Amino acid sequence: MFKDVADRLTTAPGDFKSSKPVKKTTQFRQLLQSPELEFLIEAHNGITARIGEEAGFKGLWAGGLCMSAQYGVRDNNEASWTQVLEMLDFMTDAVQIPMLLDGDTGYGNFNNVRRLVKKLEQRDVAAVCIEDKLYPKTNSFIDGNKQQLAEIDEFCSRIKAGKDAQTDDDFCLITRVEAFIAGWGLEEALRRAEAYHAAGADGILIHSALSVPSEVLAFKKEWADRCPVVIVPTKYYATPTEQLRDAGFSIAIWANHMLRAAIPAMQACAETLYREQTLRAVEDDIVPVKEIFRLQGASELQEAEERYLPSRTDEARVIVLAASRGSELGELTAKRPKTMVEVGGRPLLGHIMEAYRAAGIKQIAAVRGYAAHTVNLTGLDYVDNLEYAETGELMSLACALVANVDDKCDVFVSYGDVIFKRYIVDSLAEAEADIAIVVDTEWQSSVNRGRPADYVSCSEPYSRNAFYNKVLLKCAAETLPESEIHGEWMGFLKVSKAMLPEFRNIVTDMVADPAHRKAKMHHLLNELVARGHTVRIIYTTGHWLDVDSIADVLAAGSFA
């Protein structure tokens, strides 16, 4: 349809593997002149721009309605053009695909338009669309038939000034014809489009507020292929895309759908939080914070920090106690330990690794025992407790502490059959204490399920005051009088690097005593208290799952 397409470009839009990436202006001109129907998706800030790019779109539409809405103002030029430029700066930096700005009327006369084009080129915006209405504009779908159109000659002066101002030959200026919106009919639409084309417009955006495409199809038929025609099918959304493709339109713009999709989700979230007054009511329906970090490019900054900043020696490390079989799971652990039982297509140990790494802890060592050869995930260090069958959890911990005597960082200890949310690790990391453990206030659930648990008695029970006071461990045991139970220890322990040498000595002393060969971790907690060490309690509610039974395995699928 447009013969110079093949001559213009040798690299497709979005191909940034070459040594010299294709300019965004050149990418957009290829889209505009493509013989196929191309699509743009609306974006109104940096993160929506990146989402649109990741979805596969070759270009973006920075729409006036959505740009205004994100500021909480009306689509009547209430957001200044300098505020729009500032946001465009962030948007173009966030992506490598071209962007077409909805430039409203050009924010004034010919002088404003030529200055706008200059500023857009500086910000790597590929194209601008201006509409033939008066400044300040009103959204086309609000009383469109009452809106005044610009004089043709005056609007042509805006087009000519914009084209004269550009320094990049591939920068595009699209003119939006509002004749149908204002109720002036096909003849006026064609008359204006012809004048704008003669004035130098690179394409025509023909707009309609009807729920059927009759107006835009009639225009395209009469206009033929004098220059590319762009459409915005917001109102005639039910029209099959094939019909628009067969008509020969150049670009279809999905003009406000990212914002419209976000609004009901945000409304539902806000209403639920107001009603339920707990984050647990929405956590499963929203993305984790790490997805925001990913869209922001946080990993690139981390890589840059590793290149440019001095190496850190105080990062935390983790010991995962995973030596036991878990015979209560029957056939599931006939040939592998419990930590390698799959949940959601990944072993429990894989979920544990992910949670720690999400919290920024990369040094993770797993203590193996039963069927050690099957515990073979990449990216982990391994320590083997060769006496796993005759010893308890404390011996596995001792093996790991002996294998790594690096005392330059804090150490976290947890079980290989407990999966959890990152919140648990963050809570422990923030605790200002040499020794800290996390205690679940919903300990009754373990009693109701009839499963073994490590119950604790503390210096004070859970309450609002517990968030402000330093609550300390008094004792831990698998059985305690209910009147003395303040929570269930979840198997998470943090030891500060300052405390680690003495902590290692205590563990070594204990396992040297034959009476402690089968000792469990709660025996260690009691020994620490007996020796005068304070064990800080961090109360929490939920956010973890101890996999002790087949029912737990099934529940873990939903939890993970």
Protein backbone atom coordinates (compact mmCIF):
# COMPACT_ATOMS: atom_id res chain seq x y z
CA MET A 1 0.00 0.00 0.00
CA PHE A 2 2.81 2.42 0.85
CA LYS A 3 5.76 1.64 -1.41
CA ASP A 4 8.62 3.10 0.62
CA VAL A 5 8.16 0.80 3.62
CA ALA A 6 10.72 -1.76 2.52
CA ASP A 7 13.24 0.95 1.59
CA ARG A 8 13.00 2.75 4.92
CA LEU A 9 13.91 0.01 7.36
CA THR A 10 16.10 -3.04 7.50
CA THR A 11 15.35 -3.88 11.14
CA ALA A 12 11.94 -4.63 12.59
CA PRO A 13 10.53 -2.61 15.48
CA GLY A 14 11.60 -3.97 18.81
CA ASP A 15 14.76 -5.63 17.43
CA PHE A 16 17.34 -4.12 19.74
CA LYS A 17 19.96 -6.84 19.46
CA SER A 18 21.77 -5.07 16.63
CA SER A 19 24.68 -2.79 17.43
CA LYS A 20 22.72 0.24 16.29
CA PRO A 21 19.06 0.11 17.42
CA VAL A 22 16.42 1.49 15.10
CA LYS A 23 15.24 4.96 16.14
CA LYS A 24 11.82 5.14 17.73
CA THR A 25 10.70 7.64 15.12
CA THR A 26 11.70 5.22 12.38
CA GLN A 27 9.91 2.38 14.13
CA PHE A 28 6.72 4.40 14.33
CA ARG A 29 6.86 5.46 10.69
CA GLN A 30 7.14 1.82 9.73
CA LEU A 31 4.02 1.04 11.78
CA LEU A 32 2.17 3.94 10.17
CA GLN A 33 3.11 2.85 6.65
CA SER A 34 2.78 -0.89 7.21
CA PRO A 35 0.58 -2.76 4.73
CA GLU A 36 -0.89 -4.59 7.74
CA LEU A 37 -3.19 -3.26 10.45
CA GLU A 38 -1.01 -2.39 13.45
CA PHE A 39 -2.08 -1.72 17.05
CA LEU A 40 -1.13 0.74 19.78
CA ILE A 41 -2.03 0.30 23.47
CA GLU A 42 -2.69 3.19 25.83
CA ALA A 43 -0.11 3.98 28.50
CA HIS A 44 -0.17 6.85 30.97
CA ASN A 45 2.98 6.41 33.04
CA GLY A 46 6.23 4.49 33.05
CA ILE A 47 4.91 1.25 34.50
CA THR A 48 1.94 1.00 32.10
CA ALA A 49 4.31 1.74 29.23
CA ARG A 50 6.50 -1.18 30.27
CA ILE A 51 3.47 -3.46 30.68
CA GLY A 52 2.33 -2.59 27.18
CA GLU A 53 5.78 -3.31 25.77
CA GLU A 54 6.04 -6.63 27.62
CA ALA A 55 2.61 -7.65 26.28
CA GLY A 56 4.10 -7.47 22.78
CA PHE A 57 2.78 -4.17 21.43
CA LYS A 58 5.04 -2.45 18.91
CA GLY A 59 3.94 1.03 19.94
CA LEU A 60 2.16 3.04 22.62
CA TRP A 61 -0.50 5.73 22.72
CA ALA A 62 -0.03 8.37 25.40
CA GLY A 63 -3.70 9.33 25.57
CA GLY A 64 -4.89 12.69 26.84
CA LEU A 65 -7.83 11.22 28.76
CA CYS A 66 -5.67 8.77 30.71
CA MET A 67 -2.76 11.17 31.18
CA SER A 68 -5.22 13.65 32.71
CA ALA A 69 -6.97 10.99 34.78
CA GLN A 70 -3.75 9.86 36.44
CA TYR A 71 -3.40 13.40 37.77
CA GLY A 72 -7.04 13.33 38.90
CA VAL A 73 -8.10 16.16 36.57
CA ARG A 74 -10.44 16.41 33.59
CA ASP A 75 -9.52 15.92 29.96
CA ASN A 76 -9.87 19.67 29.32
CA ASN A 77 -6.18 20.68 29.29
CA GLU A 78 -6.32 21.00 33.07
CA ALA A 79 -2.99 19.16 33.18
CA SER A 80 -0.48 21.56 31.66
CA TRP A 81 1.56 20.54 28.66
CA THR A 82 4.74 20.77 30.73
CA GLN A 83 3.29 18.23 33.18
CA VAL A 84 2.54 15.96 30.23
CA LEU A 85 6.11 16.39 28.97
CA GLU A 86 7.50 15.45 32.37
CA MET A 87 5.53 12.20 32.40
CA LEU A 88 6.52 11.43 28.81
CA ASP A 89 10.15 11.68 29.88
CA PHE A 90 9.64 8.78 32.31
CA MET A 91 7.56 6.80 29.82
CA THR A 92 10.03 6.92 26.95
CA ASP A 93 12.89 6.01 29.29
CA ALA A 94 10.95 2.93 30.42
CA VAL A 95 10.56 1.32 26.99
CA GLN A 96 12.28 0.79 23.66
CA ILE A 97 9.16 0.98 21.50
CA PRO A 98 7.81 4.18 19.94
CA MET A 99 5.13 6.39 21.44
CA LEU A 100 2.43 8.51 19.80
CA LEU A 101 1.36 11.41 22.00
CA ASP A 102 -2.23 12.55 22.07
CA GLY A 103 -1.25 16.22 21.79
CA ASP A 104 -4.85 17.52 22.06
CA THR A 105 -5.03 20.72 19.99
CA GLY A 106 -1.30 21.29 20.16
CA TYR A 107 -1.80 23.35 23.34
CA GLY A 108 -2.36 26.58 21.44
CA ASN A 109 -1.59 28.06 18.03
CA PHE A 110 1.19 27.35 15.51
CA ASN A 111 3.85 28.69 17.89
CA ASN A 112 2.86 26.29 20.66
CA VAL A 113 2.86 23.37 18.21
CA ARG A 114 6.36 24.00 16.88
CA ARG A 115 7.70 24.31 20.41
CA LEU A 116 5.85 21.11 21.37
CA VAL A 117 7.44 19.20 18.48
CA LYS A 118 10.88 20.40 19.52
CA LYS A 119 10.34 19.25 23.10
CA LEU A 120 8.92 15.89 22.02
CA GLU A 121 11.94 15.14 19.86
CA GLN A 122 14.19 15.95 22.80
CA ARG A 123 12.31 13.34 24.85
CA ASP A 124 12.46 10.63 22.20
CA VAL A 125 8.69 10.72 21.54
CA ALA A 126 8.16 9.32 18.04
CA ALA A 127 5.03 11.14 16.94
CA VAL A 128 2.25 13.52 17.96
CA CYS A 129 -1.43 13.66 17.09
CA ILE A 130 -3.23 17.02 17.17
CA GLU A 131 -6.99 17.53 16.73
CA ASP A 132 -8.78 20.29 14.85
CA LYS A 133 -10.57 21.85 17.81
CA LEU A 134 -10.08 24.99 19.88
CA TYR A 135 -7.89 25.30 22.96
CA PRO A 136 -8.71 24.38 25.69
CA LYS A 137 -10.24 21.19 24.33
CA THR A 138 -13.04 19.01 25.70
CA ASN A 139 -13.05 15.23 25.41
CA SER A 140 -14.72 14.17 22.18
CA PHE A 141 -17.21 11.89 23.93
CA ILE A 142 -18.66 14.70 26.07
CA ASP A 143 -21.30 16.67 24.12
CA GLY A 144 -19.27 16.30 20.93
CA ASN A 145 -21.93 17.91 18.71
CA LYS A 146 -21.65 21.12 20.75
CA GLN A 147 -17.89 21.44 20.29
CA GLN A 148 -16.37 24.03 17.99
CA LEU A 149 -13.87 23.09 15.32
CA ALA A 150 -10.88 25.17 14.31
CA GLU A 151 -10.85 27.10 11.06
CA ILE A 152 -9.19 24.94 8.44
CA ASP A 153 -6.55 27.50 7.46
CA GLU A 154 -5.63 28.19 11.08
CA PHE A 155 -5.30 24.48 11.84
CA CYS A 156 -3.18 23.99 8.74
CA SER A 157 -0.81 26.62 10.13
CA ARG A 158 -0.31 24.40 13.18
CA ILE A 159 0.52 21.44 10.94
CA LYS A 160 2.99 23.39 8.81
CA ALA A 161 4.70 24.88 11.87
CA GLY A 162 5.03 21.46 13.47
CA LYS A 163 6.52 19.89 10.37
CA ASP A 164 8.92 22.79 9.89
CA ALA A 165 10.06 22.48 13.51
CA GLN A 166 11.04 18.81 13.39
CA THR A 167 14.69 17.92 12.91
CA ASP A 168 14.17 14.17 12.50
CA ASP A 169 12.68 13.35 9.10
CA ASP A 170 10.92 10.30 10.54
CA PHE A 171 9.07 12.21 13.29
CA CYS A 172 5.37 11.97 12.45
CA LEU A 173 2.56 14.47 12.89
CA ILE A 174 -0.92 12.91 12.76
CA THR A 175 -3.98 15.10 12.43
CA ARG A 176 -7.23 14.10 14.08
CA VAL A 177 -10.36 15.04 12.15
CA GLU A 178 -13.30 15.77 14.49
CA ALA A 179 -15.93 16.51 11.84
CA PHE A 180 -17.98 13.41 12.69
CA ILE A 181 -17.76 14.18 16.41
CA ALA A 182 -19.10 17.69 15.83
CA GLY A 183 -21.87 16.38 13.57
CA TRP A 184 -20.60 17.98 10.36
CA GLY A 185 -20.68 14.83 8.21
CA LEU A 186 -18.56 12.98 5.70
CA GLU A 187 -18.10 15.79 3.18
CA GLU A 188 -16.61 18.09 5.82
CA ALA A 189 -14.42 15.30 7.14
CA LEU A 190 -12.99 14.68 3.67
CA ARG A 191 -12.51 18.39 3.00
CA ARG A 192 -10.56 18.85 6.23
CA ALA A 193 -8.51 15.69 5.75
CA GLU A 194 -7.48 16.81 2.26
CA ALA A 195 -6.37 20.21 3.55
CA TYR A 196 -4.41 18.68 6.42
CA HIS A 197 -2.74 16.19 4.11
CA ALA A 198 -1.71 19.01 1.78
CA ALA A 199 -0.32 20.94 4.75
CA GLY A 200 2.06 18.06 5.51
CA ALA A 201 0.25 15.70 7.88
CA ASP A 202 1.81 12.22 7.87
CA GLY A 203 -1.49 10.53 8.62
CA ILE A 204 -5.15 11.16 9.38
CA LEU A 205 -6.90 9.97 12.54
CA ILE A 206 -10.59 9.84 11.76
CA HIS A 207 -12.69 9.89 14.92
CA SER A 208 -16.27 8.81 15.55
CA ALA A 209 -18.52 8.52 18.59
CA LEU A 210 -20.96 6.06 17.01
CA SER A 211 -21.28 2.51 18.32
CA VAL A 212 -20.90 1.21 14.75
CA PRO A 213 -18.01 1.95 12.35
CA SER A 214 -20.19 3.29 9.53
CA GLU A 215 -18.65 6.79 9.59
CA VAL A 216 -15.02 5.72 9.62
CA LEU A 217 -15.63 3.05 6.97
CA ALA A 218 -17.36 5.58 4.71
CA PHE A 219 -14.44 7.97 5.17
CA LYS A 220 -11.85 5.29 4.42
CA LYS A 221 -13.66 4.21 1.28
CA GLU A 222 -13.73 7.75 -0.11
CA TRP A 223 -10.25 8.63 1.12
CA ALA A 224 -8.69 5.48 -0.32
CA ASP A 225 -4.92 5.41 0.25
CA ARG A 226 -3.91 9.04 -0.09
CA CYS A 227 -2.12 8.69 3.29
CA PRO A 228 -2.38 6.35 6.27
CA VAL A 229 -5.60 6.42 8.30
CA VAL A 230 -5.66 5.79 12.05
CA ILE A 231 -8.76 4.87 14.07
CA VAL A 232 -9.77 4.69 17.74
CA PRO A 233 -12.50 1.98 18.04
CA THR A 234 -13.45 2.82 21.63
CA LYS A 235 -17.14 3.31 20.86
CA TYR A 236 -17.51 0.72 18.09
CA TYR A 237 -15.66 -1.91 20.11
CA ALA A 238 -17.93 -4.76 18.96
CA THR A 239 -16.77 -4.40 15.35
CA PRO A 240 -14.76 -7.46 14.27
CA THR A 241 -11.11 -6.56 13.85
CA GLU A 242 -11.11 -8.35 10.49
CA GLN A 243 -13.57 -5.76 9.17
CA LEU A 244 -11.20 -2.96 10.16
CA ARG A 245 -8.27 -4.86 8.68
CA ASP A 246 -10.11 -5.46 5.39
CA ALA A 247 -10.92 -1.75 5.15
CA GLY A 248 -7.20 -1.00 5.00
CA PHE A 249 -6.76 1.10 8.14
CA SER A 250 -3.16 1.64 9.14
CA ILE A 251 -3.29 1.70 12.96
CA ALA A 252 -5.99 0.93 15.54
CA ILE A 253 -5.52 2.47 18.98
CA TRP A 254 -6.79 0.77 22.14
CA ALA A 255 -7.02 4.20 23.70
CA ASN A 256 -7.95 3.91 27.39
CA HIS A 257 -8.18 0.26 28.33
CA MET A 258 -5.18 -0.07 30.65
CA LEU A 259 -6.64 2.63 32.89
CA ARG A 260 -10.18 1.28 32.64
CA ALA A 261 -8.98 -2.22 33.57
CA ALA A 262 -7.06 -0.89 36.59
CA ILE A 263 -9.91 1.18 38.05
CA PRO A 264 -12.30 -1.68 39.00
CA ALA A 265 -9.39 -3.66 40.45
CA MET A 266 -8.31 -0.71 42.59
CA GLN A 267 -11.88 0.03 43.65
CA ALA A 268 -12.43 -3.59 44.71
CA CYS A 269 -9.15 -3.62 46.63
CA ALA A 270 -9.91 -0.38 48.46
CA GLU A 271 -13.47 -1.45 49.33
CA THR A 272 -12.27 -4.83 50.62
CA LEU A 273 -9.53 -3.29 52.77
CA TYR A 274 -11.96 -0.76 54.20
CA ARG A 275 -14.48 -3.48 54.99
CA GLU A 276 -12.18 -6.25 56.22
CA GLN A 277 -9.41 -4.16 57.83
CA THR A 278 -6.78 -6.80 57.09
CA LEU A 279 -4.33 -7.20 54.24
CA ARG A 280 -4.92 -10.93 54.16
CA ALA A 281 -8.26 -10.23 52.48
CA VAL A 282 -6.57 -9.01 49.30
CA GLU A 283 -3.06 -10.47 49.31
CA ASP A 284 -3.96 -13.41 47.07
CA ASP A 285 -5.57 -11.13 44.47
CA ILE A 286 -2.75 -8.63 43.97
CA VAL A 287 0.75 -8.95 42.59
CA PRO A 288 3.60 -9.32 45.05
CA VAL A 289 5.72 -6.26 45.62
CA LYS A 290 8.57 -7.98 43.82
CA GLU A 291 6.56 -7.75 40.56
CA ILE A 292 6.61 -3.97 40.93
CA PHE A 293 10.35 -4.15 41.51
CA ARG A 294 10.71 -6.24 38.35
CA LEU A 295 8.75 -3.77 36.25
CA GLN A 296 10.84 -0.97 37.71
CA GLY A 297 14.02 -2.73 36.66
CA ALA A 298 15.30 -3.23 40.20
CA SER A 299 17.41 -6.22 39.13
CA GLU A 300 19.43 -4.00 36.80
CA LEU A 301 20.24 -1.71 39.71
CA GLN A 302 21.31 -4.69 41.81
CA GLU A 303 23.62 -5.83 39.02
CA ALA A 304 25.00 -2.31 38.73
CA GLU A 305 25.61 -2.17 42.47
CA GLU A 306 27.63 -5.37 42.23
CA ARG A 307 29.73 -3.80 39.47
CA TYR A 308 30.26 -0.37 41.00
CA LEU A 309 29.87 -0.61 44.78
CA PRO A 310 32.34 -2.24 47.16
CA SER A 311 31.51 -5.87 47.84
CA ARG A 312 29.53 -6.50 51.01
CA THR A 313 30.70 -8.98 53.61
CA ASP A 314 27.77 -8.68 56.01
CA GLU A 315 25.00 -10.29 53.98
CA ALA A 316 22.91 -12.87 55.78
CA ARG A 317 23.03 -16.59 55.09
CA VAL A 318 20.53 -19.39 55.65
CA ILE A 319 20.65 -22.92 57.02
CA VAL A 320 17.71 -25.12 56.00
CA LEU A 321 17.35 -28.27 58.10
CA ALA A 322 16.15 -30.87 55.58
CA ALA A 323 17.65 -34.21 56.64
CA SER A 324 14.51 -36.08 57.70
CA ARG A 325 12.40 -38.34 55.51
CA GLY A 326 8.92 -37.34 56.64
CA SER A 327 7.57 -40.88 56.84
CA GLU A 328 4.08 -39.58 57.68
CA LEU A 329 3.74 -38.73 53.96
CA GLY A 330 3.96 -42.43 53.06
CA GLU A 331 4.68 -43.17 49.40
CA LEU A 332 5.45 -39.53 48.65
CA THR A 333 8.71 -39.88 50.59
CA ALA A 334 9.53 -43.48 49.73
CA LYS A 335 12.44 -42.38 47.52
CA ARG A 336 12.94 -38.75 48.46
CA PRO A 337 12.87 -36.63 51.63
CA LYS A 338 9.95 -34.42 52.51
CA THR A 339 11.76 -31.27 51.39
CA MET A 340 11.71 -32.57 47.79
CA VAL A 341 7.97 -33.31 47.70
CA GLU A 342 6.55 -31.23 44.87
CA VAL A 343 3.98 -28.51 45.40
CA GLY A 344 2.78 -26.60 42.36
CA GLY A 345 5.37 -28.31 40.18
CA ARG A 346 8.29 -27.40 42.43
CA PRO A 347 9.77 -29.07 45.53
CA LEU A 348 9.20 -27.52 48.93
CA LEU A 349 12.88 -26.63 49.06
CA GLY A 350 12.47 -24.66 45.83
CA HIS A 351 9.71 -22.55 47.38
CA ILE A 352 11.88 -21.98 50.44
CA MET A 353 14.78 -20.84 48.26
CA GLU A 354 12.53 -18.42 46.37
CA ALA A 355 11.19 -16.84 49.57
CA TYR A 356 14.67 -16.21 50.95
CA ARG A 357 15.96 -14.87 47.67
CA ALA A 358 12.97 -12.56 47.39
CA ALA A 359 14.15 -11.13 50.72
CA GLY A 360 17.61 -10.59 49.23
CA ILE A 361 19.38 -13.56 50.88
CA LYS A 362 21.33 -15.62 48.39
CA GLN A 363 23.67 -17.71 50.59
CA ILE A 364 21.54 -20.77 51.36
CA ALA A 365 22.80 -24.12 52.63
CA ALA A 366 20.58 -27.19 53.00
CA VAL A 367 21.43 -29.99 55.43
CA ARG A 368 20.72 -33.32 53.73
CA GLY A 369 20.25 -36.77 55.21
CA TYR A 370 17.66 -39.24 53.94
CA ALA A 371 18.07 -39.89 50.17
CA ALA A 372 20.62 -37.10 50.05
CA HIS A 373 21.35 -37.60 46.34
CA THR A 374 17.78 -36.53 45.46
CA VAL A 375 18.25 -33.11 47.08
CA ASN A 376 20.03 -31.53 44.15
CA LEU A 377 18.61 -28.11 43.35
CA THR A 378 21.04 -25.74 41.70
CA GLY A 379 22.15 -22.58 43.44
CA LEU A 380 22.34 -24.13 46.91
CA ASP A 381 25.22 -25.25 49.14
CA TYR A 382 24.86 -28.65 50.78
CA VAL A 383 25.97 -30.18 54.04
CA ASP A 384 25.29 -33.84 54.82
CA ASN A 385 24.31 -35.21 58.22
CA LEU A 386 25.56 -38.77 57.80
CA GLU A 387 24.00 -39.76 61.12
CA TYR A 388 20.55 -38.40 60.30
CA ALA A 389 18.82 -41.68 61.19
CA GLU A 390 20.19 -41.73 64.75
CA THR A 391 20.27 -37.99 65.47
CA GLY A 392 17.90 -35.04 65.62
CA GLU A 393 17.59 -31.53 64.26
CA LEU A 394 20.29 -30.15 66.54
CA MET A 395 22.91 -32.46 65.01
CA SER A 396 21.97 -31.23 61.52
CA LEU A 397 22.42 -27.66 62.69
CA ALA A 398 25.79 -28.54 64.21
CA CYS A 399 26.95 -30.04 60.91
CA ALA A 400 26.10 -26.83 59.06
CA LEU A 401 27.76 -24.59 61.67
CA VAL A 402 30.95 -26.65 61.58
CA ALA A 403 31.00 -26.67 57.77
CA ASN A 404 30.85 -22.88 57.63
CA VAL A 405 32.69 -20.93 60.30
CA ASP A 406 32.30 -17.58 58.54
CA ASP A 407 30.99 -15.28 61.27
CA LYS A 408 30.75 -12.13 59.15
CA CYS A 409 27.00 -12.21 58.70
CA ASP A 410 23.73 -13.03 60.45
CA VAL A 411 22.42 -16.57 60.13
CA PHE A 412 18.81 -17.64 59.59
CA VAL A 413 17.71 -21.18 60.41
CA SER A 414 14.47 -22.81 59.25
CA TYR A 415 13.00 -26.22 58.40
CA GLY A 416 12.93 -27.90 55.01
CA ASP A 417 9.22 -28.70 55.28
CA VAL A 418 7.97 -25.21 56.16
CA ILE A 419 7.01 -22.83 53.35
CA PHE A 420 6.38 -19.20 54.08
CA LYS A 421 5.90 -15.70 52.79
CA ARG A 422 8.75 -13.23 52.53
CA TYR A 423 7.14 -11.26 55.35
CA ILE A 424 8.52 -13.80 57.84
CA VAL A 425 12.11 -13.21 56.78
CA ASP A 426 11.65 -9.44 56.74
CA SER A 427 10.27 -9.51 60.28
CA LEU A 428 13.25 -11.48 61.56
CA ALA A 429 15.76 -9.35 59.66
CA GLU A 430 14.38 -6.17 61.20
CA ALA A 431 14.50 -7.52 64.77
CA GLU A 432 17.22 -5.81 66.78
CA ALA A 433 18.31 -8.83 68.81
CA ASP A 434 21.16 -11.32 68.97
CA ILE A 435 18.67 -14.18 68.88
CA ALA A 436 15.13 -13.89 67.57
CA ILE A 437 12.37 -16.33 66.67
CA VAL A 438 8.97 -15.93 64.98
CA VAL A 439 5.88 -17.10 66.87
CA ASP A 440 2.44 -17.64 65.32
CA THR A 441 -0.40 -16.32 67.47
CA GLU A 442 -2.88 -18.73 65.85
CA TRP A 443 -1.45 -21.71 67.70
CA GLN A 444 -4.90 -23.22 68.26
CA SER A 445 -4.97 -24.38 64.64
CA SER A 446 -2.22 -26.90 65.40
CA VAL A 447 -4.15 -28.21 68.40
CA ASN A 448 -7.30 -28.54 66.29
CA ARG A 449 -5.42 -30.43 63.60
CA GLY A 450 -3.85 -32.73 66.16
CA ARG A 451 -0.36 -32.34 64.78
CA PRO A 452 2.87 -31.97 66.77
CA ALA A 453 4.07 -28.42 67.29
CA ASP A 454 6.60 -26.38 69.22
CA TYR A 455 4.63 -24.24 71.65
CA VAL A 456 6.17 -21.35 73.52
CA SER A 457 5.54 -19.44 76.71
CA CYS A 458 6.66 -15.83 76.57
CA SER A 459 7.24 -12.88 78.87
CA GLU A 460 3.87 -11.49 77.75
CA PRO A 461 1.07 -12.69 75.44
CA TYR A 462 0.32 -11.29 72.05
CA SER A 463 -1.43 -7.91 72.13
CA ARG A 464 -1.09 -4.52 70.53
CA ASN A 465 1.48 -3.64 73.16
CA ALA A 466 3.60 -6.58 72.02
CA PHE A 467 4.54 -4.60 68.93
CA TYR A 468 6.19 -1.97 71.11
CA ASN A 469 7.61 -4.10 73.94
CA LYS A 470 10.50 -6.53 73.72
CA VAL A 471 8.76 -9.85 74.30
CA LEU A 472 11.14 -12.64 75.36
CA LEU A 473 10.99 -16.43 75.34
CA LYS A 474 10.46 -18.20 78.66
CA CYS A 475 10.37 -21.79 77.42
CA ALA A 476 9.51 -23.98 74.42
CA ALA A 477 8.09 -27.50 74.33
CA GLU A 478 5.94 -29.87 72.31
CA THR A 479 3.45 -29.95 75.17
CA LEU A 480 2.54 -27.10 77.49
CA PRO A 481 -0.55 -26.35 79.57
CA GLU A 482 -2.88 -24.34 77.36
CA SER A 483 -2.93 -21.58 79.96
CA GLU A 484 0.80 -21.10 79.42
CA ILE A 485 0.82 -21.24 75.60
CA HIS A 486 1.34 -17.86 73.93
CA GLY A 487 1.97 -19.14 70.42
CA GLU A 488 3.58 -21.71 68.17
CA TRP A 489 7.21 -21.41 67.20
CA MET A 490 7.33 -21.68 63.42
CA GLY A 491 10.88 -23.02 63.19
CA PHE A 492 12.48 -19.70 62.22
CA LEU A 493 15.53 -18.53 64.11
CA LYS A 494 17.91 -15.63 63.51
CA VAL A 495 21.33 -15.37 65.14
CA SER A 496 23.32 -12.16 64.80
CA LYS A 497 26.91 -12.29 63.59
CA ALA A 498 28.00 -10.96 67.00
CA MET A 499 26.32 -13.88 68.75
CA LEU A 500 27.29 -16.56 66.24
CA PRO A 501 30.61 -17.76 67.78
CA GLU A 502 29.01 -18.36 71.16
CA PHE A 503 25.91 -19.85 69.56
CA ARG A 504 28.13 -22.34 67.70
CA ASN A 505 29.88 -23.28 70.94
CA ILE A 506 26.57 -23.94 72.70
CA VAL A 507 25.36 -26.18 69.86
CA THR A 508 28.70 -28.02 69.83
CA ASP A 509 28.54 -28.57 73.59
CA MET A 510 25.02 -29.93 73.38
CA VAL A 511 25.60 -32.46 70.59
CA ALA A 512 28.75 -33.70 72.36
CA ASP A 513 26.47 -34.94 75.14
CA PRO A 514 24.97 -38.36 74.21
CA ALA A 515 21.76 -37.27 75.90
CA HIS A 516 21.27 -34.67 73.17
CA ARG A 517 21.95 -36.81 70.11
CA LYS A 518 18.26 -36.76 69.20
CA ALA A 519 17.67 -33.23 70.50
CA LYS A 520 15.30 -30.99 68.60
CA MET A 521 15.51 -27.26 68.06
CA HIS A 522 13.22 -26.39 70.95
CA HIS A 523 15.76 -28.06 73.27
CA LEU A 524 18.32 -25.56 71.98
CA LEU A 525 15.97 -22.64 72.65
CA ASN A 526 15.53 -23.76 76.25
CA GLU A 527 19.30 -24.18 76.65
CA LEU A 528 19.88 -20.65 75.40
CA VAL A 529 17.40 -19.29 77.96
CA ALA A 530 18.93 -21.44 80.70
CA ARG A 531 22.36 -19.97 79.96
CA GLY A 532 21.02 -16.46 80.38
CA HIS A 533 20.62 -15.46 76.75
CA THR A 534 17.55 -13.48 75.71
CA VAL A 535 15.54 -14.86 72.83
CA ARG A 536 13.43 -12.14 71.24
CA ILE A 537 9.88 -13.04 70.20
CA ILE A 538 8.44 -11.66 66.96
CA TYR A 539 4.70 -12.28 66.95
CA THR A 540 2.94 -12.84 63.65
CA THR A 541 -0.29 -14.37 62.39
CA GLY A 542 -0.13 -16.92 59.59
CA HIS A 543 2.08 -16.44 56.51
CA TRP A 544 3.52 -19.98 56.79
CA LEU A 545 2.60 -23.64 56.38
CA ASP A 546 4.19 -26.68 58.04
CA VAL A 547 3.80 -29.65 55.69
CA ASP A 548 3.21 -32.63 57.97
CA SER A 549 0.51 -34.60 56.16
CA ILE A 550 -1.08 -35.34 52.80
CA ALA A 551 -3.71 -32.70 53.63
CA ASP A 552 -0.89 -30.20 54.17
CA VAL A 553 0.57 -31.04 50.76
CA LEU A 554 -2.76 -30.24 49.14
CA ALA A 555 -3.09 -27.02 51.14
CA ALA A 556 0.46 -26.06 50.19
CA GLY A 557 -0.55 -25.88 46.54
CA SER A 558 -2.92 -23.01 47.25
CA PHE A 559 -0.53 -21.37 49.70
CA ALA A 560 2.38 -21.39 47.26
